[in-house]
PDB file of all heavy atoms in Angstrom:
ATOM      1  N   GLN A   1      86.369 224.825 109.422  1.00  0.00           N
ATOM      2  CA  GLN A   1      87.422 225.417 110.255  1.00  0.00           C
ATOM      3  C   GLN A   1      88.802 224.803 109.875  1.00  0.00           C
ATOM      4  O   GLN A   1      89.833 225.474 109.932  1.00  0.00           O
ATOM      5  CB  GLN A   1      87.117 225.166 111.753  1.00  0.00           C
ATOM      6  CG  GLN A   1      87.098 223.734 112.192  1.00  0.00           C
ATOM      7  CD  GLN A   1      86.802 223.576 113.632  1.00  0.00           C
ATOM      8  OE1 GLN A   1      86.971 224.443 114.441  1.00  0.00           O
ATOM      9  NE2 GLN A   1      86.227 222.372 114.018  1.00  0.00           N
ATOM     10  N   TYR A   2      88.796 223.547 109.556  1.00  0.00           N
ATOM     11  CA  TYR A   2      90.112 222.867 109.155  1.00  0.00           C
ATOM     12  C   TYR A   2      90.554 223.351 107.744  1.00  0.00           C
ATOM     13  O   TYR A   2      91.739 223.369 107.516  1.00  0.00           O
ATOM     14  CB  TYR A   2      89.939 221.354 109.167  1.00  0.00           C
ATOM     15  CG  TYR A   2      89.836 220.805 110.642  1.00  0.00           C
ATOM     16  CD1 TYR A   2      88.556 220.467 111.158  1.00  0.00           C
ATOM     17  CD2 TYR A   2      90.976 220.697 111.414  1.00  0.00           C
ATOM     18  CE1 TYR A   2      88.555 219.980 112.535  1.00  0.00           C
ATOM     19  CE2 TYR A   2      90.929 220.218 112.787  1.00  0.00           C
ATOM     20  CZ  TYR A   2      89.631 219.878 113.219  1.00  0.00           C
ATOM     21  OH  TYR A   2      89.598 219.397 114.569  1.00  0.00           O
ATOM     22  N   VAL A   3      89.527 223.555 106.891  1.00  0.00           N
ATOM     23  CA  VAL A   3      89.878 224.024 105.540  1.00  0.00           C
ATOM     24  C   VAL A   3      90.404 225.434 105.550  1.00  0.00           C
ATOM     25  O   VAL A   3      91.425 225.765 104.949  1.00  0.00           O
ATOM     26  CB  VAL A   3      88.607 223.986 104.597  1.00  0.00           C
ATOM     27  CG1 VAL A   3      88.938 224.524 103.286  1.00  0.00           C
ATOM     28  CG2 VAL A   3      88.147 222.561 104.516  1.00  0.00           C
ATOM     29  N   GLU A   4      89.830 226.263 106.438  1.00  0.00           N
ATOM     30  CA  GLU A   4      90.298 227.671 106.527  1.00  0.00           C
ATOM     31  C   GLU A   4      91.697 227.752 107.097  1.00  0.00           C
ATOM     32  O   GLU A   4      92.410 228.639 106.708  1.00  0.00           O
ATOM     33  CB  GLU A   4      89.284 228.452 107.418  1.00  0.00           C
ATOM     34  CG  GLU A   4      88.041 228.798 106.702  1.00  0.00           C
ATOM     35  CD  GLU A   4      87.165 229.841 107.409  1.00  0.00           C
ATOM     36  OE1 GLU A   4      87.316 229.812 108.680  1.00  0.00           O
ATOM     37  OE2 GLU A   4      86.452 230.645 106.826  1.00  0.00           O
ATOM     38  N   ASN A   5      91.991 226.972 108.149  1.00  0.00           N
ATOM     39  CA  ASN A   5      93.319 227.146 108.790  1.00  0.00           C
ATOM     40  C   ASN A   5      94.385 226.400 108.063  1.00  0.00           C
ATOM     41  O   ASN A   5      95.555 226.374 108.441  1.00  0.00           O
ATOM     42  CB  ASN A   5      93.281 226.733 110.283  1.00  0.00           C
ATOM     43  CG  ASN A   5      92.956 225.226 110.459  1.00  0.00           C
ATOM     44  OD1 ASN A   5      93.224 224.446 109.645  1.00  0.00           O
ATOM     45  ND2 ASN A   5      92.399 224.993 111.646  1.00  0.00           N
ATOM     46  N   GLY A   6      94.063 225.715 106.937  1.00  0.00           N
ATOM     47  CA  GLY A   6      95.081 224.976 106.100  1.00  0.00           C
ATOM     48  C   GLY A   6      95.476 223.691 106.603  1.00  0.00           C
ATOM     49  O   GLY A   6      96.340 223.013 105.964  1.00  0.00           O
ATOM     50  N   THR A   7      94.822 223.150 107.653  1.00  0.00           N
ATOM     51  CA  THR A   7      95.136 221.811 108.118  1.00  0.00           C
ATOM     52  C   THR A   7      94.743 220.739 107.080  1.00  0.00           C
ATOM     53  O   THR A   7      95.334 219.686 106.914  1.00  0.00           O
ATOM     54  CB  THR A   7      94.495 221.515 109.507  1.00  0.00           C
ATOM     55  OG1 THR A   7      94.887 222.536 110.442  1.00  0.00           O
ATOM     56  CG2 THR A   7      94.823 220.163 110.025  1.00  0.00           C
ATOM     57  N   MET A   8      93.676 220.975 106.393  1.00  0.00           N
ATOM     58  CA  MET A   8      93.086 220.159 105.431  1.00  0.00           C
ATOM     59  C   MET A   8      92.687 220.897 104.194  1.00  0.00           C
ATOM     60  O   MET A   8      92.239 222.062 104.274  1.00  0.00           O
ATOM     61  CB  MET A   8      91.922 219.286 105.942  1.00  0.00           C
ATOM     62  CG  MET A   8      92.224 218.558 107.250  1.00  0.00           C
ATOM     63  SD  MET A   8      90.749 217.657 107.868  1.00  0.00           S
ATOM     64  CE  MET A   8      91.310 217.309 109.549  1.00  0.00           C
ATOM     65  N   LYS A   9      92.653 220.201 103.095  1.00  0.00           N
ATOM     66  CA  LYS A   9      92.072 220.793 101.850  1.00  0.00           C
ATOM     67  C   LYS A   9      91.217 219.783 101.231  1.00  0.00           C
ATOM     68  O   LYS A   9      91.449 218.531 101.291  1.00  0.00           O
ATOM     69  CB  LYS A   9      93.174 221.269 100.909  1.00  0.00           C
ATOM     70  CG  LYS A   9      93.990 220.190 100.238  1.00  0.00           C
ATOM     71  CD  LYS A   9      94.942 220.827  99.236  1.00  0.00           C
ATOM     72  CE  LYS A   9      95.765 219.719  98.458  1.00  0.00           C
ATOM     73  NZ  LYS A   9      96.652 220.320  97.490  1.00  0.00           N
ATOM     74  N   ILE A  10      90.109 220.265 100.581  1.00  0.00           N
ATOM     75  CA  ILE A  10      89.204 219.369  99.954  1.00  0.00           C
ATOM     76  C   ILE A  10      89.524 219.354  98.444  1.00  0.00           C
ATOM     77  O   ILE A  10      89.738 220.335  97.776  1.00  0.00           O
ATOM     78  CB  ILE A  10      87.769 219.876 100.123  1.00  0.00           C
ATOM     79  CG1 ILE A  10      87.438 219.975 101.615  1.00  0.00           C
ATOM     80  CG2 ILE A  10      86.760 218.833  99.476  1.00  0.00           C
ATOM     81  CD1 ILE A  10      86.020 220.366 101.933  1.00  0.00           C
ATOM     82  N   GLN A  11      89.487 218.136  97.863  1.00  0.00           N
ATOM     83  CA  GLN A  11      89.777 217.966  96.467  1.00  0.00           C
ATOM     84  C   GLN A  11      88.729 217.103  95.861  1.00  0.00           C
ATOM     85  O   GLN A  11      88.344 216.087  96.380  1.00  0.00           O
ATOM     86  CB  GLN A  11      91.173 217.284  96.362  1.00  0.00           C
ATOM     87  CG  GLN A  11      91.683 217.029  95.000  1.00  0.00           C
ATOM     88  CD  GLN A  11      93.085 216.517  94.995  1.00  0.00           C
ATOM     89  OE1 GLN A  11      94.062 217.178  95.419  1.00  0.00           O
ATOM     90  NE2 GLN A  11      93.274 215.264  94.531  1.00  0.00           N
ATOM     91  N   HIS A  12      88.267 217.485  94.599  1.00  0.00           N
ATOM     92  CA  HIS A  12      87.241 216.738  93.927  1.00  0.00           C
ATOM     93  C   HIS A  12      87.892 215.402  93.424  1.00  0.00           C
ATOM     94  O   HIS A  12      88.899 215.412  92.885  1.00  0.00           O
ATOM     95  CB  HIS A  12      86.619 217.518  92.782  1.00  0.00           C
ATOM     96  CG  HIS A  12      85.564 216.698  92.112  1.00  0.00           C
ATOM     97  ND1 HIS A  12      85.719 216.087  90.967  1.00  0.00           N
ATOM     98  CD2 HIS A  12      84.242 216.491  92.412  1.00  0.00           C
ATOM     99  CE1 HIS A  12      84.653 215.472  90.524  1.00  0.00           C
ATOM    100  NE2 HIS A  12      83.768 215.743  91.450  1.00  0.00           N
ATOM    101  N   CYS A  13      87.154 214.422  93.692  1.00  0.00           N
ATOM    102  CA  CYS A  13      87.610 213.041  93.242  1.00  0.00           C
ATOM    103  C   CYS A  13      86.588 212.465  92.326  1.00  0.00           C
ATOM    104  O   CYS A  13      85.354 212.409  92.676  1.00  0.00           O
ATOM    105  CB  CYS A  13      87.809 212.087  94.441  1.00  0.00           C
ATOM    106  SG  CYS A  13      88.213 210.422  94.027  1.00  0.00           S
ATOM    107  N   PRO A  14      86.941 212.077  91.039  1.00  0.00           N
ATOM    108  CA  PRO A  14      85.887 211.467  90.176  1.00  0.00           C
ATOM    109  C   PRO A  14      85.298 210.255  90.790  1.00  0.00           C
ATOM    110  O   PRO A  14      85.958 209.543  91.534  1.00  0.00           O
ATOM    111  CB  PRO A  14      86.748 211.097  88.978  1.00  0.00           C
ATOM    112  CG  PRO A  14      87.927 211.999  89.020  1.00  0.00           C
ATOM    113  CD  PRO A  14      88.268 212.243  90.463  1.00  0.00           C
ATOM    114  N   THR A  15      84.007 210.074  90.620  1.00  0.00           N
ATOM    115  CA  THR A  15      83.305 208.971  91.250  1.00  0.00           C
ATOM    116  C   THR A  15      83.867 207.680  91.041  1.00  0.00           C
ATOM    117  O   THR A  15      83.967 206.721  91.885  1.00  0.00           O
ATOM    118  CB  THR A  15      81.833 208.977  90.777  1.00  0.00           C
ATOM    119  OG1 THR A  15      81.224 210.255  91.072  1.00  0.00           O
ATOM    120  CG2 THR A  15      81.012 207.843  91.417  1.00  0.00           C
ATOM    121  N   LEU A  16      84.377 207.454  89.796  1.00  0.00           N
ATOM    122  CA  LEU A  16      85.052 206.076  89.498  1.00  0.00           C
ATOM    123  C   LEU A  16      86.377 205.900  90.236  1.00  0.00           C
ATOM    124  O   LEU A  16      86.887 204.727  90.286  1.00  0.00           O
ATOM    125  CB  LEU A  16      85.275 205.966  87.952  1.00  0.00           C
ATOM    126  CG  LEU A  16      83.971 205.890  87.070  1.00  0.00           C
ATOM    127  CD1 LEU A  16      84.299 205.861  85.667  1.00  0.00           C
ATOM    128  CD2 LEU A  16      83.163 204.712  87.478  1.00  0.00           C
ATOM    129  N   ASP A  17      86.936 206.905  90.749  1.00  0.00           N
ATOM    130  CA  ASP A  17      88.130 206.775  91.579  1.00  0.00           C
ATOM    131  C   ASP A  17      87.885 206.949  93.058  1.00  0.00           C
ATOM    132  O   ASP A  17      88.877 206.943  93.800  1.00  0.00           O
ATOM    133  CB  ASP A  17      89.108 207.857  91.122  1.00  0.00           C
ATOM    134  CG  ASP A  17      89.605 207.693  89.661  1.00  0.00           C
ATOM    135  OD1 ASP A  17      89.632 206.482  89.188  1.00  0.00           O
ATOM    136  OD2 ASP A  17      89.909 208.727  88.979  1.00  0.00           O
ATOM    137  N   MET A  18      86.727 207.020  93.458  1.00  0.00           N
ATOM    138  CA  MET A  18      86.428 207.213  94.930  1.00  0.00           C
ATOM    139  C   MET A  18      86.455 205.823  95.560  1.00  0.00           C
ATOM    140  O   MET A  18      85.615 204.965  95.598  1.00  0.00           O
ATOM    141  CB  MET A  18      84.962 207.750  95.085  1.00  0.00           C
ATOM    142  CG  MET A  18      84.410 207.817  96.470  1.00  0.00           C
ATOM    143  SD  MET A  18      85.596 208.525  97.675  1.00  0.00           S
ATOM    144  CE  MET A  18      85.583 210.258  97.184  1.00  0.00           C
ATOM    145  N   ILE A  19      87.630 205.628  96.283  1.00  0.00           N
ATOM    146  CA  ILE A  19      87.868 204.323  96.935  1.00  0.00           C
ATOM    147  C   ILE A  19      86.860 203.978  97.919  1.00  0.00           C
ATOM    148  O   ILE A  19      86.509 202.800  98.055  1.00  0.00           O
ATOM    149  CB  ILE A  19      89.380 204.373  97.530  1.00  0.00           C
ATOM    150  CG1 ILE A  19      90.345 204.644  96.445  1.00  0.00           C
ATOM    151  CG2 ILE A  19      89.651 203.002  98.225  1.00  0.00           C
ATOM    152  CD1 ILE A  19      91.785 204.828  97.038  1.00  0.00           C
ATOM    153  N   ALA A  20      86.384 205.015  98.660  1.00  0.00           N
ATOM    154  CA  ALA A  20      85.376 204.734  99.776  1.00  0.00           C
ATOM    155  C   ALA A  20      84.027 204.185  99.154  1.00  0.00           C
ATOM    156  O   ALA A  20      83.176 203.776  99.932  1.00  0.00           O
ATOM    157  CB  ALA A  20      85.214 205.975 100.520  1.00  0.00           C
ATOM    158  N   ASP A  21      83.904 204.309  97.937  1.00  0.00           N
ATOM    159  CA  ASP A  21      82.610 203.836  97.209  1.00  0.00           C
ATOM    160  C   ASP A  21      82.418 202.361  97.498  1.00  0.00           C
ATOM    161  O   ASP A  21      81.224 201.920  97.585  1.00  0.00           O
ATOM    162  CB  ASP A  21      82.664 204.116  95.748  1.00  0.00           C
ATOM    163  CG  ASP A  21      81.209 204.180  95.082  1.00  0.00           C
ATOM    164  OD1 ASP A  21      80.277 204.502  95.794  1.00  0.00           O
ATOM    165  OD2 ASP A  21      81.145 203.728  93.940  1.00  0.00           O
ATOM    166  N   ILE A  22      83.495 201.676  97.626  1.00  0.00           N
ATOM    167  CA  ILE A  22      83.404 200.165  97.815  1.00  0.00           C
ATOM    168  C   ILE A  22      82.878 199.873  99.230  1.00  0.00           C
ATOM    169  O   ILE A  22      82.474 198.748  99.572  1.00  0.00           O
ATOM    170  CB  ILE A  22      84.838 199.503  97.593  1.00  0.00           C
ATOM    171  CG1 ILE A  22      84.633 198.013  97.394  1.00  0.00           C
ATOM    172  CG2 ILE A  22      85.742 199.728  98.742  1.00  0.00           C
ATOM    173  CD1 ILE A  22      85.964 197.383  96.995  1.00  0.00           C
ATOM    174  N   LEU A  23      82.829 200.886 100.146  1.00  0.00           N
ATOM    175  CA  LEU A  23      82.456 200.736 101.530  1.00  0.00           C
ATOM    176  C   LEU A  23      80.939 201.157 101.729  1.00  0.00           C
ATOM    177  O   LEU A  23      80.465 201.065 102.777  1.00  0.00           O
ATOM    178  CB  LEU A  23      83.278 201.554 102.428  1.00  0.00           C
ATOM    179  CG  LEU A  23      84.836 201.271 102.453  1.00  0.00           C
ATOM    180  CD1 LEU A  23      85.578 202.358 103.124  1.00  0.00           C
ATOM    181  CD2 LEU A  23      85.102 199.890 102.932  1.00  0.00           C
ATOM    182  N   THR A  24      80.325 201.641 100.594  1.00  0.00           N
ATOM    183  CA  THR A  24      78.953 202.127 100.829  1.00  0.00           C
ATOM    184  C   THR A  24      77.935 201.360  99.916  1.00  0.00           C
ATOM    185  O   THR A  24      76.704 201.534 100.195  1.00  0.00           O
ATOM    186  CB  THR A  24      78.869 203.637 100.354  1.00  0.00           C
ATOM    187  OG1 THR A  24      79.139 203.777  99.010  1.00  0.00           O
ATOM    188  CG2 THR A  24      79.901 204.424 101.191  1.00  0.00           C
ATOM    189  N   LYS A  25      78.405 200.630  99.012  1.00  0.00           N
ATOM    190  CA  LYS A  25      77.398 199.951  98.120  1.00  0.00           C
ATOM    191  C   LYS A  25      78.043 198.652  97.576  1.00  0.00           C
ATOM    192  O   LYS A  25      79.307 198.547  97.449  1.00  0.00           O
ATOM    193  CB  LYS A  25      76.937 200.825  97.002  1.00  0.00           C
ATOM    194  CG  LYS A  25      78.016 201.316  96.086  1.00  0.00           C
ATOM    195  CD  LYS A  25      77.484 202.200  94.903  1.00  0.00           C
ATOM    196  CE  LYS A  25      76.882 203.446  95.452  1.00  0.00           C
ATOM    197  NZ  LYS A  25      78.018 204.471  95.919  1.00  0.00           N
ATOM    198  N   PRO A  26      77.266 197.586  97.359  1.00  0.00           N
ATOM    199  CA  PRO A  26      77.833 196.273  96.852  1.00  0.00           C
ATOM    200  C   PRO A  26      78.157 196.333  95.369  1.00  0.00           C
ATOM    201  O   PRO A  26      77.413 195.938  94.497  1.00  0.00           O
ATOM    202  CB  PRO A  26      76.705 195.310  97.126  1.00  0.00           C
ATOM    203  CG  PRO A  26      75.447 196.135  97.092  1.00  0.00           C
ATOM    204  CD  PRO A  26      75.855 197.518  97.616  1.00  0.00           C
TER     205      PRO A  26
END
């Protein structure tokens, strides 16, 4: 619903640049 109304858009991020990766594995 947020993607459709333009409030947010999803963008592919390469795994090596995924900052949140540091929060999910050691």
